[in-house]
Amino acid sequence: MPEPLTFDALRRANVARIPQFKNRKGGAAHSEPDGSDWSPAQWLQAVVGEVGEYANLRKKFERGDMDEATFREEAARELADIQAYLDILAFRLGIDLGEATRDKFNEVSERVGSDSRL
């Protein structure tokens, strides 16, 4: 069984993979190996595009176009795409997403009176 995924492992893999992305014609999708040829707005568009793909999938499931097992399998892939692009966006902004997630989670726990902390 693989090791549990960490934010750091995702970041390392994402940064290594950015220069390997290909466009539909087989050419390099990025001219800069760190993805800096795309603005943060363009990385955000990638995140929002994947959120839209998940939303469309959810719509199809709710209207009965697929069974739950199929939905869960396809939803997992779309949510993983969202997570990957969100991490790249955070990378481009110089944000440690693991640290930011922990801090925000704990802040909300404090505000709502929850003992759950990361």
C-alpha atoms as a PDB file:
ATOM      1  CA  MET A   1       0.000   0.000   0.000  1.00  0.00           C
ATOM      2  CA  PRO A   2       1.406   3.450  -0.863  1.00  0.00           C
ATOM      3  CA  GLU A   3       2.337   5.928   1.837  1.00  0.00           C
ATOM      4  CA  PRO A   4      -0.360   8.481   2.751  1.00  0.00           C
ATOM      5  CA  LEU A   5      -0.165  11.551   0.537  1.00  0.00           C
ATOM      6  CA  THR A   6       1.143  14.712   2.142  1.00  0.00           C
ATOM      7  CA  PHE A   7       0.895  18.290   0.937  1.00  0.00           C
ATOM      8  CA  ASP A   8       4.701  18.313   0.594  1.00  0.00           C
ATOM      9  CA  ALA A   9       4.708  15.189  -1.586  1.00  0.00           C
ATOM     10  CA  LEU A  10       1.987  16.632  -3.809  1.00  0.00           C
ATOM     11  CA  ARG A  11       3.931  19.894  -4.151  1.00  0.00           C
ATOM     12  CA  ARG A  12       7.155  18.101  -5.118  1.00  0.00           C
ATOM     13  CA  ALA A  13       5.374  15.963  -7.698  1.00  0.00           C
ATOM     14  CA  ASN A  14       3.425  18.911  -9.117  1.00  0.00           C
ATOM     15  CA  VAL A  15       6.562  21.045  -9.503  1.00  0.00           C
ATOM     16  CA  ALA A  16       8.366  18.153 -11.201  1.00  0.00           C
ATOM     17  CA  ARG A  17       5.450  17.524 -13.562  1.00  0.00           C
ATOM     18  CA  ILE A  18       4.756  21.105 -14.715  1.00  0.00           C
ATOM     19  CA  PRO A  19       7.462  21.061 -17.431  1.00  0.00           C
ATOM     20  CA  GLN A  20       6.187  17.675 -18.652  1.00  0.00           C
ATOM     21  CA  PHE A  21       2.633  18.869 -19.459  1.00  0.00           C
ATOM     22  CA  LYS A  22       1.811  18.578 -23.158  1.00  0.00           C
ATOM     23  CA  ASN A  23      -0.833  20.412 -25.140  1.00  0.00           C
ATOM     24  CA  ARG A  24      -3.245  18.554 -27.418  1.00  0.00           C
ATOM     25  CA  LYS A  25      -0.751  18.861 -30.286  1.00  0.00           C
ATOM     26  CA  GLY A  26       1.959  17.122 -28.244  1.00  0.00           C
ATOM     27  CA  GLY A  27       4.007  20.260 -27.653  1.00  0.00           C
ATOM     28  CA  ALA A  28       5.115  21.647 -24.321  1.00  0.00           C
ATOM     29  CA  ALA A  29       2.166  23.249 -22.537  1.00  0.00           C
ATOM     30  CA  HIS A  30       4.443  25.598 -20.587  1.00  0.00           C
ATOM     31  CA  SER A  31       7.409  27.642 -21.751  1.00  0.00           C
ATOM     32  CA  GLU A  32       8.686  28.044 -18.179  1.00  0.00           C
ATOM     33  CA  PRO A  33       9.504  24.920 -16.128  1.00  0.00           C
ATOM     34  CA  ASP A  34       7.921  26.379 -12.979  1.00  0.00           C
ATOM     35  CA  GLY A  35       4.636  27.288 -14.700  1.00  0.00           C
ATOM     36  CA  SER A  36       5.349  31.014 -14.403  1.00  0.00           C
ATOM     37  CA  ASP A  37       4.327  31.479 -18.028  1.00  0.00           C
ATOM     38  CA  TRP A  38       0.773  31.219 -16.694  1.00  0.00           C
ATOM     39  CA  SER A  39      -0.479  34.002 -14.443  1.00  0.00           C
ATOM     40  CA  PRO A  40      -2.167  33.171 -11.147  1.00  0.00           C
ATOM     41  CA  ALA A  41      -5.446  34.041 -12.906  1.00  0.00           C
ATOM     42  CA  GLN A  42      -4.776  31.335 -15.502  1.00  0.00           C
ATOM     43  CA  TRP A  43      -4.002  28.757 -12.795  1.00  0.00           C
ATOM     44  CA  LEU A  44      -7.227  29.835 -11.078  1.00  0.00           C
ATOM     45  CA  GLN A  45      -9.077  29.271 -14.350  1.00  0.00           C
ATOM     46  CA  ALA A  46      -7.680  25.735 -14.380  1.00  0.00           C
ATOM     47  CA  VAL A  47      -9.006  25.187 -10.827  1.00  0.00           C
ATOM     48  CA  VAL A  48     -12.415  26.625 -11.707  1.00  0.00           C
ATOM     49  CA  GLY A  49     -12.553  24.545 -14.891  1.00  0.00           C
ATOM     50  CA  GLU A  50     -12.088  21.384 -12.849  1.00  0.00           C
ATOM     51  CA  VAL A  51     -14.698  22.526 -10.308  1.00  0.00           C
ATOM     52  CA  GLY A  52     -17.045  23.004 -13.277  1.00  0.00           C
ATOM     53  CA  GLU A  53     -16.317  19.477 -14.493  1.00  0.00           C
ATOM     54  CA  TYR A  54     -17.179  18.119 -11.041  1.00  0.00           C
ATOM     55  CA  ALA A  55     -20.378  20.233 -10.943  1.00  0.00           C
ATOM     56  CA  ASN A  56     -21.447  18.876 -14.322  1.00  0.00           C
ATOM     57  CA  LEU A  57     -20.786  15.326 -13.145  1.00  0.00           C
ATOM     58  CA  ARG A  58     -22.815  15.946  -9.986  1.00  0.00           C
ATOM     59  CA  LYS A  59     -25.694  17.330 -12.069  1.00  0.00           C
ATOM     60  CA  LYS A  60     -25.686  14.197 -14.230  1.00  0.00           C
ATOM     61  CA  PHE A  61     -25.670  11.958 -11.166  1.00  0.00           C
ATOM     62  CA  GLU A  62     -28.545  13.802  -9.515  1.00  0.00           C
ATOM     63  CA  ARG A  63     -30.715  13.594 -12.627  1.00  0.00           C
ATOM     64  CA  GLY A  64     -30.093   9.855 -12.803  1.00  0.00           C
ATOM     65  CA  ASP A  65     -27.656   9.569 -15.705  1.00  0.00           C
ATOM     66  CA  MET A  66     -25.263   7.326 -13.742  1.00  0.00           C
ATOM     67  CA  ASP A  67     -25.232   5.049 -10.749  1.00  0.00           C
ATOM     68  CA  GLU A  68     -23.546   5.952  -7.483  1.00  0.00           C
ATOM     69  CA  ALA A  69     -20.511   3.732  -8.037  1.00  0.00           C
ATOM     70  CA  THR A  70     -19.777   5.380 -11.387  1.00  0.00           C
ATOM     71  CA  PHE A  71     -20.336   8.823  -9.910  1.00  0.00           C
ATOM     72  CA  ARG A  72     -17.980   8.166  -6.998  1.00  0.00           C
ATOM     73  CA  GLU A  73     -15.249   6.877  -9.316  1.00  0.00           C
ATOM     74  CA  GLU A  74     -15.496   9.848 -11.685  1.00  0.00           C
ATOM     75  CA  ALA A  75     -15.966  12.354  -8.836  1.00  0.00           C
ATOM     76  CA  ALA A  76     -12.754  11.130  -7.195  1.00  0.00           C
ATOM     77  CA  ARG A  77     -10.830  11.909 -10.394  1.00  0.00           C
ATOM     78  CA  GLU A  78     -12.336  15.392 -10.740  1.00  0.00           C
ATOM     79  CA  LEU A  79     -11.735  16.266  -7.081  1.00  0.00           C
ATOM     80  CA  ALA A  80      -8.132  15.069  -7.438  1.00  0.00           C
ATOM     81  CA  ASP A  81      -7.710  17.385 -10.455  1.00  0.00           C
ATOM     82  CA  ILE A  82      -9.038  20.275  -8.359  1.00  0.00           C
ATOM     83  CA  GLN A  83      -6.555  19.479  -5.577  1.00  0.00           C
ATOM     84  CA  ALA A  84      -3.610  19.283  -7.995  1.00  0.00           C
ATOM     85  CA  TYR A  85      -4.401  22.586  -9.722  1.00  0.00           C
ATOM     86  CA  LEU A  86      -5.116  24.282  -6.392  1.00  0.00           C
ATOM     87  CA  ASP A  87      -1.678  23.225  -5.185  1.00  0.00           C
ATOM     88  CA  ILE A  88      -0.033  24.632  -8.332  1.00  0.00           C
ATOM     89  CA  LEU A  89      -1.913  27.910  -7.848  1.00  0.00           C
ATOM     90  CA  ALA A  90      -0.694  28.057  -4.236  1.00  0.00           C
ATOM     91  CA  PHE A  91       2.852  27.260  -5.417  1.00  0.00           C
ATOM     92  CA  ARG A  92       2.746  30.098  -7.937  1.00  0.00           C
ATOM     93  CA  LEU A  93       1.587  32.443  -5.145  1.00  0.00           C
ATOM     94  CA  GLY A  94       4.324  31.255  -2.757  1.00  0.00           C
ATOM     95  CA  ILE A  95       1.814  29.726  -0.344  1.00  0.00           C
ATOM     96  CA  ASP A  96       2.448  26.556   1.655  1.00  0.00           C
ATOM     97  CA  LEU A  97      -0.992  25.012   1.222  1.00  0.00           C
ATOM     98  CA  GLY A  98      -0.509  22.495   4.026  1.00  0.00           C
ATOM     99  CA  GLU A  99       0.392  25.216   6.506  1.00  0.00           C
ATOM    100  CA  ALA A 100      -2.398  27.497   5.282  1.00  0.00           C
ATOM    101  CA  THR A 101      -4.944  24.668   5.530  1.00  0.00           C
ATOM    102  CA  ARG A 102      -3.852  23.768   9.056  1.00  0.00           C
ATOM    103  CA  ASP A 103      -3.934  27.393  10.204  1.00  0.00           C
ATOM    104  CA  LYS A 104      -7.364  28.071   8.693  1.00  0.00           C
ATOM    105  CA  PHE A 105      -8.810  24.794  10.005  1.00  0.00           C
ATOM    106  CA  ASN A 106      -7.652  25.611  13.530  1.00  0.00           C
ATOM    107  CA  GLU A 107      -8.944  29.183  13.236  1.00  0.00           C
ATOM    108  CA  VAL A 108     -12.409  27.947  12.273  1.00  0.00           C
ATOM    109  CA  SER A 109     -12.343  25.282  15.008  1.00  0.00           C
ATOM    110  CA  GLU A 110     -11.579  27.997  17.548  1.00  0.00           C
ATOM    111  CA  ARG A 111     -14.376  30.225  16.189  1.00  0.00           C
ATOM    112  CA  VAL A 112     -17.017  27.477  16.282  1.00  0.00           C
ATOM    113  CA  GLY A 113     -15.911  26.077  19.644  1.00  0.00           C
ATOM    114  CA  SER A 114     -14.631  22.755  18.309  1.00  0.00           C
ATOM    115  CA  ASP A 115     -11.846  20.771  19.985  1.00  0.00           C
ATOM    116  CA  SER A 116     -10.720  19.424  16.582  1.00  0.00           C
ATOM    117  CA  ARG A 117      -7.314  20.775  15.655  1.00  0.00           C
ATOM    118  CA  LEU A 118      -4.689  19.900  13.090  1.00  0.00           C
END
